[in-house]
C-alpha atoms as a PDB file:
ATOM      1  CA  MET A   1       8.598  -0.038   8.259  1.00  0.00           C
ATOM      2  CA  LEU A   2       7.615   3.577   7.714  1.00  0.00           C
ATOM      3  CA  VAL A   3       4.886   3.949   5.019  1.00  0.00           C
ATOM      4  CA  THR A   4       3.465   7.162   3.617  1.00  0.00           C
ATOM      5  CA  THR A   5       1.357   8.162   0.581  1.00  0.00           C
ATOM      6  CA  SER A   6       3.564  11.415   0.442  1.00  0.00           C
ATOM      7  CA  THR A   7       6.637  11.673  -1.775  1.00  0.00           C
ATOM      8  CA  ASN A   8       8.797  12.527   1.283  1.00  0.00           C
ATOM      9  CA  LEU A   9       8.853  11.551   4.936  1.00  0.00           C
ATOM     10  CA  GLU A  10       8.895  14.525   7.339  1.00  0.00           C
ATOM     11  CA  GLY A  11      11.910  14.340   9.624  1.00  0.00           C
ATOM     12  CA  TYR A  12      13.775  11.689   7.548  1.00  0.00           C
ATOM     13  CA  LYS A  13      16.356  11.928   4.714  1.00  0.00           C
ATOM     14  CA  VAL A  14      16.270   9.501   1.869  1.00  0.00           C
ATOM     15  CA  THR A  15      19.649   7.877   1.457  1.00  0.00           C
ATOM     16  CA  ASP A  16      18.873   5.240  -1.076  1.00  0.00           C
ATOM     17  CA  GLN A  17      16.037   4.648  -3.523  1.00  0.00           C
ATOM     18  CA  LEU A  18      15.476   0.827  -4.125  1.00  0.00           C
ATOM     19  CA  GLY A  19      12.729   0.868  -6.707  1.00  0.00           C
ATOM     20  CA  VAL A  20       9.069  -0.013  -6.913  1.00  0.00           C
ATOM     21  CA  VAL A  21       7.764  -2.614  -4.515  1.00  0.00           C
ATOM     22  CA  ARG A  22       4.348  -4.233  -4.513  1.00  0.00           C
ATOM     23  CA  GLY A  23       1.967  -6.551  -2.818  1.00  0.00           C
ATOM     24  CA  ILE A  24      -0.782  -8.217  -4.834  1.00  0.00           C
ATOM     25  CA  THR A  25      -3.661 -10.500  -3.943  1.00  0.00           C
ATOM     26  CA  VAL A  26      -6.523 -11.921  -5.924  1.00  0.00           C
ATOM     27  CA  ARG A  27      -9.704 -12.541  -4.033  1.00  0.00           C
ATOM     28  CA  SER A  28     -13.248 -13.721  -4.453  1.00  0.00           C
ATOM     29  CA  ARG A  29     -16.269 -14.213  -2.323  1.00  0.00           C
ATOM     30  CA  GLY A  30     -17.716 -17.676  -2.063  1.00  0.00           C
ATOM     31  CA  VAL A  31     -21.326 -18.586  -2.830  1.00  0.00           C
ATOM     32  CA  GLY A  32     -22.499 -18.139   0.767  1.00  0.00           C
ATOM     33  CA  GLY A  33     -20.873 -14.774   1.030  1.00  0.00           C
ATOM     34  CA  ASN A  34     -22.324 -13.569  -2.285  1.00  0.00           C
ATOM     35  CA  PHE A  35     -25.771 -14.689  -1.134  1.00  0.00           C
ATOM     36  CA  LEU A  36     -25.496 -12.793   2.194  1.00  0.00           C
ATOM     37  CA  GLY A  37     -23.925  -9.783   0.482  1.00  0.00           C
ATOM     38  CA  GLY A  38     -26.819  -9.851  -1.983  1.00  0.00           C
ATOM     39  CA  LEU A  39     -29.344  -9.817   0.796  1.00  0.00           C
ATOM     40  CA  GLN A  40     -27.708  -6.759   2.330  1.00  0.00           C
ATOM     41  CA  THR A  41     -27.953  -4.877  -0.930  1.00  0.00           C
ATOM     42  CA  ILE A  42     -31.664  -5.491  -0.961  1.00  0.00           C
ATOM     43  CA  PHE A  43     -32.086  -3.702   2.415  1.00  0.00           C
ATOM     44  CA  GLY A  44     -29.558  -1.020   1.560  1.00  0.00           C
ATOM     45  CA  GLY A  45     -27.112   0.779   3.903  1.00  0.00           C
ATOM     46  CA  ARG A  46     -23.594  -0.459   4.836  1.00  0.00           C
ATOM     47  CA  ASN A  47     -22.793  -3.810   3.237  1.00  0.00           C
ATOM     48  CA  SER A  48     -20.570  -5.498   5.925  1.00  0.00           C
ATOM     49  CA  ILE A  49     -20.030  -8.688   3.891  1.00  0.00           C
ATOM     50  CA  TYR A  50     -18.298  -6.898   1.076  1.00  0.00           C
ATOM     51  CA  THR A  51     -16.734  -4.270   3.285  1.00  0.00           C
ATOM     52  CA  ASP A  52     -14.974  -7.065   5.231  1.00  0.00           C
ATOM     53  CA  LEU A  53     -13.816  -8.698   2.002  1.00  0.00           C
ATOM     54  CA  CYS A  54     -12.329  -5.397   0.735  1.00  0.00           C
ATOM     55  CA  GLU A  55     -10.628  -4.632   4.015  1.00  0.00           C
ATOM     56  CA  GLN A  56      -9.085  -8.113   4.219  1.00  0.00           C
ATOM     57  CA  SER A  57      -7.910  -7.886   0.596  1.00  0.00           C
ATOM     58  CA  ARG A  58      -6.287  -4.491   1.178  1.00  0.00           C
ATOM     59  CA  GLN A  59      -4.594  -5.602   4.355  1.00  0.00           C
ATOM     60  CA  GLU A  60      -3.209  -8.700   2.697  1.00  0.00           C
ATOM     61  CA  ALA A  61      -1.839  -6.645  -0.229  1.00  0.00           C
ATOM     62  CA  TYR A  62      -0.346  -4.158   2.307  1.00  0.00           C
ATOM     63  CA  ASP A  63       1.305  -6.924   4.243  1.00  0.00           C
ATOM     64  CA  LEU A  64       2.814  -8.393   1.057  1.00  0.00           C
ATOM     65  CA  LEU A  65       3.973  -4.874   0.103  1.00  0.00           C
ATOM     66  CA  ILE A  66       5.875  -4.581   3.443  1.00  0.00           C
ATOM     67  CA  GLN A  67       7.445  -8.067   2.919  1.00  0.00           C
ATOM     68  CA  HIS A  68       8.606  -7.060  -0.546  1.00  0.00           C
ATOM     69  CA  ALA A  69      10.160  -3.876   0.760  1.00  0.00           C
ATOM     70  CA  MET A  70      11.983  -5.729   3.569  1.00  0.00           C
ATOM     71  CA  GLN A  71      13.333  -8.274   1.020  1.00  0.00           C
ATOM     72  CA  VAL A  72      14.993  -5.416  -0.937  1.00  0.00           C
ATOM     73  CA  GLY A  73      16.409  -3.830   2.201  1.00  0.00           C
ATOM     74  CA  ALA A  74      14.145  -0.836   2.633  1.00  0.00           C
ATOM     75  CA  ASN A  75      13.120   0.701   5.904  1.00  0.00           C
ATOM     76  CA  ALA A  76      10.382   2.956   4.383  1.00  0.00           C
ATOM     77  CA  ILE A  77       7.966   3.166   1.470  1.00  0.00           C
ATOM     78  CA  LEU A  78       7.062   6.464  -0.199  1.00  0.00           C
ATOM     79  CA  SER A  79       4.110   7.233  -2.468  1.00  0.00           C
ATOM     80  CA  MET A  80       2.162   4.148  -1.335  1.00  0.00           C
ATOM     81  CA  ARG A  81      -1.057   3.526  -3.302  1.00  0.00           C
ATOM     82  CA  TYR A  82      -3.739   0.924  -3.762  1.00  0.00           C
ATOM     83  CA  ASP A  83      -5.230  -0.176  -7.005  1.00  0.00           C
ATOM     84  CA  ALA A  84      -7.977  -2.791  -7.789  1.00  0.00           C
ATOM     85  CA  ASN A  85      -9.115  -4.456 -11.018  1.00  0.00           C
ATOM     86  CA  GLU A  86     -11.665  -6.997 -11.745  1.00  0.00           C
ATOM     87  CA  VAL A  87      -9.931 -10.079 -13.263  1.00  0.00           C
ATOM     88  CA  MET A  88     -13.189 -11.782 -14.086  1.00  0.00           C
ATOM     89  CA  ALA A  89     -16.780 -11.633 -12.801  1.00  0.00           C
ATOM     90  CA  GLY A  90     -16.466 -11.938  -8.962  1.00  0.00           C
ATOM     91  CA  VAL A  91     -12.681 -12.091  -8.819  1.00  0.00           C
ATOM     92  CA  THR A  92     -10.748  -8.959  -7.936  1.00  0.00           C
ATOM     93  CA  GLU A  93      -7.047  -8.132  -7.929  1.00  0.00           C
ATOM     94  CA  VAL A  94      -5.890  -5.762  -5.129  1.00  0.00           C
ATOM     95  CA  LEU A  95      -2.443  -4.212  -5.561  1.00  0.00           C
ATOM     96  CA  ALA A  96      -0.546  -2.056  -3.008  1.00  0.00           C
ATOM     97  CA  TYR A  97       2.540  -0.371  -4.406  1.00  0.00           C
ATOM     98  CA  GLY A  98       5.099   2.326  -3.628  1.00  0.00           C
ATOM     99  CA  THR A  99       8.811   3.260  -3.754  1.00  0.00           C
ATOM    100  CA  ALA A 100      11.061   1.372  -1.463  1.00  0.00           C
ATOM    101  CA  VAL A 101      13.641   3.619   0.142  1.00  0.00           C
ATOM    102  CA  LYS A 102      16.262   3.732   2.915  1.00  0.00           C
ATOM    103  CA  VAL A 103      15.901   6.694   5.213  1.00  0.00           C
ATOM    104  CA  VAL A 104      17.751   8.087   8.234  1.00  0.00           C
ATOM    105  CA  LYS A 105      16.414  10.446  10.884  1.00  0.00           C
ATOM    106  CA  SER A 106      17.219  14.085   9.925  1.00  0.00           C
ATOM    107  CA  GLU A 107      19.268  16.047  12.249  1.00  0.00           C
ATOM    108  CA  VAL A 108      17.849  19.328  13.453  1.00  0.00           C
END
């Protein structure tokens, strides 16, 4: 699956637009993780506990985006973006979305 944040894919021609595709996950950190993350904020610097949670959440949303694109028959996703919203205190939604397309390699 080819994925880009751009509106086009260099070296490829879009042959079919299949619509918006998305991957969504809702994640929270457990009590232990919040405790350790809170300790890291006291000392400042990089907060690896929350960084790892954010990275895992984005990867899961990205993987679900790819699955959705494959289900609709796409071989590429254009204009891919992430979005995140707090659903409630300590619970965050992470969304990956873009436009599913079929592309072919351009002839030079």
